[in-house]
C-alpha atoms as a PDB file:
ATOM      1  CA  MET A   1     106.783  94.533  91.331  1.00  0.00           C
ATOM      2  CA  ASN A   2     110.485  94.326  91.950  1.00  0.00           C
ATOM      3  CA  GLY A   3     112.916  96.803  90.443  1.00  0.00           C
ATOM      4  CA  GLU A   4     112.986 100.107  88.621  1.00  0.00           C
ATOM      5  CA  VAL A   5     110.821 100.687  85.535  1.00  0.00           C
ATOM      6  CA  ARG A   6     112.333 102.923  82.848  1.00  0.00           C
ATOM      7  CA  GLU A   7     110.117 103.985  79.974  1.00  0.00           C
ATOM      8  CA  VAL A   8     112.259 104.146  76.841  1.00  0.00           C
ATOM      9  CA  ALA A   9     111.349 104.904  73.246  1.00  0.00           C
ATOM     10  CA  ASP A  10     113.680 102.236  71.849  1.00  0.00           C
ATOM     11  CA  VAL A  11     114.193  99.223  74.103  1.00  0.00           C
ATOM     12  CA  ALA A  12     116.960  97.664  72.021  1.00  0.00           C
ATOM     13  CA  GLN A  13     119.004 100.862  71.972  1.00  0.00           C
ATOM     14  CA  ALA A  14     118.395 101.489  75.662  1.00  0.00           C
ATOM     15  CA  PHE A  15     119.664  97.991  76.436  1.00  0.00           C
ATOM     16  CA  ALA A  16     122.797  98.488  74.343  1.00  0.00           C
ATOM     17  CA  ASP A  17     123.492 101.833  75.996  1.00  0.00           C
ATOM     18  CA  LEU A  18     123.009 100.363  79.476  1.00  0.00           C
ATOM     19  CA  VAL A  19     125.349  97.437  78.821  1.00  0.00           C
ATOM     20  CA  VAL A  20     128.040  99.768  77.491  1.00  0.00           C
ATOM     21  CA  GLU A  21     127.596 101.987  80.555  1.00  0.00           C
ATOM     22  CA  GLU A  22     127.721  99.089  83.025  1.00  0.00           C
ATOM     23  CA  ALA A  23     130.720  97.425  81.309  1.00  0.00           C
ATOM     24  CA  PRO A  24     130.077  94.012  82.900  1.00  0.00           C
ATOM     25  CA  GLY A  25     132.792  91.418  83.157  1.00  0.00           C
ATOM     26  CA  SER A  26     130.282  88.579  82.870  1.00  0.00           C
ATOM     27  CA  VAL A  27     126.822  88.360  81.326  1.00  0.00           C
ATOM     28  CA  ALA A  28     124.027  85.831  80.974  1.00  0.00           C
ATOM     29  CA  LEU A  29     122.064  86.355  77.782  1.00  0.00           C
ATOM     30  CA  SER A  30     118.644  85.297  76.516  1.00  0.00           C
ATOM     31  CA  GLY A  31     116.743  84.605  73.313  1.00  0.00           C
ATOM     32  CA  GLY A  32     113.749  85.969  71.458  1.00  0.00           C
ATOM     33  CA  GLY A  33     112.995  88.774  69.043  1.00  0.00           C
ATOM     34  CA  THR A  34     113.609  91.631  71.462  1.00  0.00           C
ATOM     35  CA  ALA A  35     116.918  90.091  72.512  1.00  0.00           C
ATOM     36  CA  ASN A  36     117.931  89.711  68.860  1.00  0.00           C
ATOM     37  CA  ASP A  37     117.287  93.412  68.269  1.00  0.00           C
ATOM     38  CA  ALA A  38     119.076  94.388  71.486  1.00  0.00           C
ATOM     39  CA  TYR A  39     122.161  92.358  70.642  1.00  0.00           C
ATOM     40  CA  ALA A  40     122.290  93.775  67.129  1.00  0.00           C
ATOM     41  CA  ARG A  41     122.365  97.290  68.604  1.00  0.00           C
ATOM     42  CA  LEU A  42     125.007  96.259  71.095  1.00  0.00           C
ATOM     43  CA  ALA A  43     127.121  94.787  68.309  1.00  0.00           C
ATOM     44  CA  ALA A  44     126.829  98.072  66.426  1.00  0.00           C
ATOM     45  CA  ALA A  45     128.246  99.884  69.454  1.00  0.00           C
ATOM     46  CA  THR A  46     131.337  97.605  69.213  1.00  0.00           C
ATOM     47  CA  PRO A  47     132.239  97.520  72.906  1.00  0.00           C
ATOM     48  CA  ASP A  48     135.458  95.766  73.879  1.00  0.00           C
ATOM     49  CA  TRP A  49     134.281  92.398  75.169  1.00  0.00           C
ATOM     50  CA  SER A  50     137.709  90.775  75.168  1.00  0.00           C
ATOM     51  CA  GLY A  51     137.409  90.461  78.961  1.00  0.00           C
ATOM     52  CA  VAL A  52     133.737  89.415  79.103  1.00  0.00           C
ATOM     53  CA  ASP A  53     132.547  85.884  79.882  1.00  0.00           C
ATOM     54  CA  VAL A  54     129.225  84.978  78.234  1.00  0.00           C
ATOM     55  CA  TYR A  55     126.680  82.568  79.742  1.00  0.00           C
ATOM     56  CA  PHE A  56     122.972  81.904  79.184  1.00  0.00           C
ATOM     57  CA  GLY A  57     119.822  82.011  81.267  1.00  0.00           C
ATOM     58  CA  ASP A  58     117.901  79.439  79.254  1.00  0.00           C
ATOM     59  CA  GLU A  59     118.128  77.396  76.100  1.00  0.00           C
ATOM     60  CA  ARG A  60     116.253  74.970  73.912  1.00  0.00           C
ATOM     61  CA  TRP A  61     118.066  71.634  73.848  1.00  0.00           C
ATOM     62  CA  VAL A  62     119.146  71.950  70.218  1.00  0.00           C
ATOM     63  CA  PRO A  63     122.569  72.311  68.547  1.00  0.00           C
ATOM     64  CA  LEU A  64     123.940  75.816  67.993  1.00  0.00           C
ATOM     65  CA  ASP A  65     123.302  75.623  64.256  1.00  0.00           C
ATOM     66  CA  ASP A  66     119.583  75.044  64.834  1.00  0.00           C
ATOM     67  CA  PRO A  67     117.487  78.179  64.068  1.00  0.00           C
ATOM     68  CA  ASP A  68     115.875  77.874  67.515  1.00  0.00           C
ATOM     69  CA  SER A  69     119.173  77.995  69.426  1.00  0.00           C
ATOM     70  CA  ASN A  70     119.606  81.044  71.663  1.00  0.00           C
ATOM     71  CA  ALA A  71     123.369  80.576  71.739  1.00  0.00           C
ATOM     72  CA  GLY A  72     123.459  80.277  67.966  1.00  0.00           C
ATOM     73  CA  MET A  73     121.548  83.552  67.598  1.00  0.00           C
ATOM     74  CA  VAL A  74     123.862  85.291  70.058  1.00  0.00           C
ATOM     75  CA  GLN A  75     126.909  84.019  68.180  1.00  0.00           C
ATOM     76  CA  ARG A  76     125.615  85.243  64.835  1.00  0.00           C
ATOM     77  CA  VAL A  77     124.203  88.589  65.926  1.00  0.00           C
ATOM     78  CA  LEU A  78     126.592  89.695  68.659  1.00  0.00           C
ATOM     79  CA  LEU A  79     129.665  87.602  69.352  1.00  0.00           C
ATOM     80  CA  SER A  80     130.812  87.365  65.742  1.00  0.00           C
ATOM     81  CA  ALA A  81     131.188  91.154  65.852  1.00  0.00           C
ATOM     82  CA  VAL A  82     132.153  91.513  69.518  1.00  0.00           C
ATOM     83  CA  PRO A  83     134.360  88.540  70.466  1.00  0.00           C
ATOM     84  CA  PRO A  84     134.203  87.708  74.180  1.00  0.00           C
ATOM     85  CA  ALA A  85     136.798  86.212  76.502  1.00  0.00           C
ATOM     86  CA  SER A  86     134.708  83.041  76.706  1.00  0.00           C
ATOM     87  CA  HIS A  87     131.361  81.742  75.470  1.00  0.00           C
ATOM     88  CA  HIS A  88     129.482  79.026  77.358  1.00  0.00           C
ATOM     89  CA  PRO A  89     126.410  77.651  75.536  1.00  0.00           C
ATOM     90  CA  MET A  90     124.064  75.477  77.567  1.00  0.00           C
ATOM     91  CA  TYR A  91     123.713  72.795  74.898  1.00  0.00           C
ATOM     92  CA  GLN A  92     126.571  70.288  74.896  1.00  0.00           C
ATOM     93  CA  GLU A  93     126.737  67.638  72.208  1.00  0.00           C
ATOM     94  CA  GLY A  94     127.090  64.169  73.635  1.00  0.00           C
ATOM     95  CA  LEU A  95     125.193  64.914  76.850  1.00  0.00           C
ATOM     96  CA  ASP A  96     121.544  64.205  77.469  1.00  0.00           C
ATOM     97  CA  ILE A  97     119.516  67.124  78.769  1.00  0.00           C
ATOM     98  CA  GLU A  98     119.588  66.055  82.422  1.00  0.00           C
ATOM     99  CA  ALA A  99     123.366  65.731  82.337  1.00  0.00           C
ATOM    100  CA  GLY A 100     123.502  69.093  80.565  1.00  0.00           C
ATOM    101  CA  ALA A 101     121.508  70.737  83.341  1.00  0.00           C
ATOM    102  CA  ALA A 102     123.817  69.301  85.991  1.00  0.00           C
ATOM    103  CA  ALA A 103     126.944  70.357  84.091  1.00  0.00           C
ATOM    104  CA  TYR A 104     125.746  73.919  83.560  1.00  0.00           C
ATOM    105  CA  GLY A 105     124.679  74.183  87.176  1.00  0.00           C
ATOM    106  CA  ARG A 106     128.197  73.218  88.249  1.00  0.00           C
ATOM    107  CA  LEU A 107     129.659  75.761  85.838  1.00  0.00           C
ATOM    108  CA  LEU A 108     127.536  78.585  87.265  1.00  0.00           C
ATOM    109  CA  ARG A 109     128.395  77.475  90.789  1.00  0.00           C
ATOM    110  CA  ASP A 110     132.097  77.633  90.022  1.00  0.00           C
ATOM    111  CA  VAL A 111     132.085  81.059  88.320  1.00  0.00           C
ATOM    112  CA  GLY A 112     130.080  82.747  91.073  1.00  0.00           C
ATOM    113  CA  PRO A 113     127.709  85.708  90.666  1.00  0.00           C
ATOM    114  CA  ILE A 114     127.217  87.091  87.156  1.00  0.00           C
ATOM    115  CA  ASP A 115     127.507  90.852  86.696  1.00  0.00           C
ATOM    116  CA  LEU A 116     124.555  91.326  84.328  1.00  0.00           C
ATOM    117  CA  VAL A 117     121.685  89.001  83.447  1.00  0.00           C
ATOM    118  CA  HIS A 118     119.379  89.840  80.534  1.00  0.00           C
ATOM    119  CA  LEU A 119     115.801  88.586  80.713  1.00  0.00           C
ATOM    120  CA  GLY A 120     112.753  88.989  78.505  1.00  0.00           C
ATOM    121  CA  LEU A 121     109.039  88.771  79.160  1.00  0.00           C
ATOM    122  CA  GLY A 122     106.676  86.403  77.371  1.00  0.00           C
ATOM    123  CA  PRO A 123     103.015  87.259  76.710  1.00  0.00           C
ATOM    124  CA  ASP A 124     102.101  84.620  79.311  1.00  0.00           C
ATOM    125  CA  GLY A 125     104.367  86.233  81.914  1.00  0.00           C
ATOM    126  CA  HIS A 126     107.241  83.772  81.640  1.00  0.00           C
ATOM    127  CA  THR A 127     110.890  84.776  81.740  1.00  0.00           C
ATOM    128  CA  ALA A 128     113.916  82.670  80.860  1.00  0.00           C
ATOM    129  CA  SER A 129     112.136  79.276  80.578  1.00  0.00           C
ATOM    130  CA  LEU A 130     110.259  79.721  83.843  1.00  0.00           C
ATOM    131  CA  PHE A 131     106.731  79.073  82.593  1.00  0.00           C
ATOM    132  CA  PRO A 132     103.467  79.577  84.531  1.00  0.00           C
ATOM    133  CA  GLY A 133     102.606  76.474  86.521  1.00  0.00           C
ATOM    134  CA  SER A 134     105.865  74.659  85.774  1.00  0.00           C
ATOM    135  CA  PRO A 135     107.866  72.747  88.410  1.00  0.00           C
ATOM    136  CA  ALA A 136     110.884  75.021  87.970  1.00  0.00           C
ATOM    137  CA  LEU A 137     109.030  77.867  89.710  1.00  0.00           C
ATOM    138  CA  ASP A 138     109.394  76.053  93.028  1.00  0.00           C
ATOM    139  CA  GLU A 139     113.000  74.903  92.615  1.00  0.00           C
ATOM    140  CA  THR A 140     115.155  75.968  95.559  1.00  0.00           C
ATOM    141  CA  ARG A 141     118.255  73.745  95.347  1.00  0.00           C
ATOM    142  CA  HIS A 142     119.507  73.740  91.773  1.00  0.00           C
ATOM    143  CA  ARG A 143     120.838  76.597  89.671  1.00  0.00           C
ATOM    144  CA  VAL A 144     119.764  74.998  86.383  1.00  0.00           C
ATOM    145  CA  VAL A 145     116.905  72.589  85.694  1.00  0.00           C
ATOM    146  CA  VAL A 146     115.093  70.988  82.774  1.00  0.00           C
ATOM    147  CA  ASN A 147     111.781  72.703  82.056  1.00  0.00           C
ATOM    148  CA  GLY A 148     109.212  73.335  79.345  1.00  0.00           C
ATOM    149  CA  ASP A 149     105.506  73.368  78.607  1.00  0.00           C
ATOM    150  CA  ALA A 150     103.071  72.284  75.920  1.00  0.00           C
ATOM    151  CA  LEU A 151     103.030  75.708  74.254  1.00  0.00           C
ATOM    152  CA  HIS A 152     106.765  75.926  73.606  1.00  0.00           C
ATOM    153  CA  PRO A 153     108.595  73.419  71.384  1.00  0.00           C
ATOM    154  CA  HIS A 154     111.765  71.616  72.463  1.00  0.00           C
ATOM    155  CA  PRO A 155     112.741  70.624  75.998  1.00  0.00           C
ATOM    156  CA  ARG A 156     114.686  73.412  77.664  1.00  0.00           C
ATOM    157  CA  LEU A 157     117.178  74.276  80.327  1.00  0.00           C
ATOM    158  CA  THR A 158     116.567  77.271  82.548  1.00  0.00           C
ATOM    159  CA  VAL A 159     118.235  78.985  85.442  1.00  0.00           C
ATOM    160  CA  THR A 160     116.189  79.198  88.627  1.00  0.00           C
ATOM    161  CA  TYR A 161     115.195  81.965  91.014  1.00  0.00           C
ATOM    162  CA  PRO A 162     117.868  81.221  93.637  1.00  0.00           C
ATOM    163  CA  TRP A 163     120.570  81.684  91.005  1.00  0.00           C
ATOM    164  CA  LEU A 164     118.993  84.836  89.559  1.00  0.00           C
ATOM    165  CA  GLU A 165     118.990  86.424  93.012  1.00  0.00           C
ATOM    166  CA  THR A 166     122.805  86.329  93.036  1.00  0.00           C
ATOM    167  CA  ALA A 167     123.225  88.519  89.926  1.00  0.00           C
ATOM    168  CA  GLY A 168     124.686  91.988  90.245  1.00  0.00           C
ATOM    169  CA  LEU A 169     122.139  93.465  87.816  1.00  0.00           C
ATOM    170  CA  ILE A 170     119.099  91.984  86.094  1.00  0.00           C
ATOM    171  CA  VAL A 171     117.822  93.815  83.013  1.00  0.00           C
ATOM    172  CA  PHE A 172     114.387  93.036  81.585  1.00  0.00           C
ATOM    173  CA  THR A 173     113.594  94.215  78.066  1.00  0.00           C
ATOM    174  CA  VAL A 174     109.890  94.541  77.284  1.00  0.00           C
ATOM    175  CA  ALA A 175     108.812  95.808  73.880  1.00  0.00           C
ATOM    176  CA  GLY A 176     105.561  95.833  71.941  1.00  0.00           C
ATOM    177  CA  GLU A 177     101.834  95.851  72.514  1.00  0.00           C
ATOM    178  CA  GLU A 178     101.749  92.044  72.755  1.00  0.00           C
ATOM    179  CA  LYS A 179     103.637  92.329  76.075  1.00  0.00           C
ATOM    180  CA  ARG A 180     101.307  94.949  77.563  1.00  0.00           C
ATOM    181  CA  ASP A 181      98.883  92.573  79.259  1.00  0.00           C
ATOM    182  CA  ALA A 182     101.616  90.548  80.976  1.00  0.00           C
ATOM    183  CA  PHE A 183     103.505  93.635  82.088  1.00  0.00           C
ATOM    184  CA  THR A 184     100.326  95.269  83.410  1.00  0.00           C
ATOM    185  CA  ARG A 185      99.487  92.137  85.366  1.00  0.00           C
ATOM    186  CA  ILE A 186     102.966  92.027  86.891  1.00  0.00           C
ATOM    187  CA  ARG A 187     102.809  95.707  87.873  1.00  0.00           C
ATOM    188  CA  SER A 188      99.470  95.080  89.546  1.00  0.00           C
ATOM    189  CA  GLY A 189     101.031  92.372  91.697  1.00  0.00           C
ATOM    190  CA  GLU A 190      99.716  89.261  89.968  1.00  0.00           C
ATOM    191  CA  ASP A 191     101.834  86.164  90.575  1.00  0.00           C
ATOM    192  CA  LEU A 192     103.466  85.612  87.181  1.00  0.00           C
ATOM    193  CA  PRO A 193     106.918  84.057  86.771  1.00  0.00           C
ATOM    194  CA  ALA A 194     108.715  87.249  85.713  1.00  0.00           C
ATOM    195  CA  GLY A 195     107.261  89.091  88.687  1.00  0.00           C
ATOM    196  CA  ARG A 196     108.843  86.618  91.098  1.00  0.00           C
ATOM    197  CA  VAL A 197     112.389  87.556  90.119  1.00  0.00           C
ATOM    198  CA  ARG A 198     114.375  89.125  92.949  1.00  0.00           C
ATOM    199  CA  GLY A 199     117.838  90.609  92.804  1.00  0.00           C
ATOM    200  CA  GLU A 200     120.256  93.212  94.062  1.00  0.00           C
ATOM    201  CA  ARG A 201     119.362  95.537  91.164  1.00  0.00           C
ATOM    202  CA  ILE A 202     116.579  95.036  88.645  1.00  0.00           C
ATOM    203  CA  ILE A 203     115.881  97.423  85.761  1.00  0.00           C
ATOM    204  CA  TRP A 204     112.907  97.058  83.433  1.00  0.00           C
ATOM    205  CA  LEU A 205     113.369  98.761  80.052  1.00  0.00           C
ATOM    206  CA  VAL A 206     109.830  99.115  78.691  1.00  0.00           C
ATOM    207  CA  ASP A 207     108.546 100.940  75.617  1.00  0.00           C
ATOM    208  CA  PRO A 208     105.296 102.955  75.433  1.00  0.00           C
ATOM    209  CA  ALA A 209     103.475 100.176  73.566  1.00  0.00           C
ATOM    210  CA  ALA A 210     104.130  97.695  76.381  1.00  0.00           C
ATOM    211  CA  LEU A 211     103.326 100.298  79.025  1.00  0.00           C
ATOM    212  CA  GLY A 212     100.124 101.369  77.313  1.00  0.00           C
ATOM    213  CA  THR A 213     101.101 105.048  77.376  1.00  0.00           C
END
């Protein structure tokens, strides 16, 4: 697998500590339960994010006030306590999803490489909204595409591998026994979406339950 694996007792706290240590000027954030916990810990650390630009790695195509919105969760849990320089949700009212993908791709092109990208790991091995067997896995031209699968509600936008490879640091957070099978399969070299991620620096923060130790 690609990157450095760090076994940590508390993934959310380890993520918060790492972000404070790295002091990125730009971040791309994610969704999910582990991300929620990680952002709550980061908010509690109250770093100065007045110079930080916030982007996203994937999103369900729903308004920010929808309970399933990643950007809405990030706003409530983190950014309301730690105001950033700028906040760039993927969902844009008035655009259809294809136009939204094109617009966000242009935005990421214009801002250049992101300092820190946060990714999770699904039980099926997906990361961002790069699902097993989906067309987005083979995308080589676009930074952002529409993607989804039958197991996950709502059409989604996701960044692609070529864009992820430009990040300064990619941090995976993997917590809980339900992630153990996927993480074990990735470590053994199985071709799962999260295992395909390449980058300049990749750190996996993994707890004992996910490691099986």
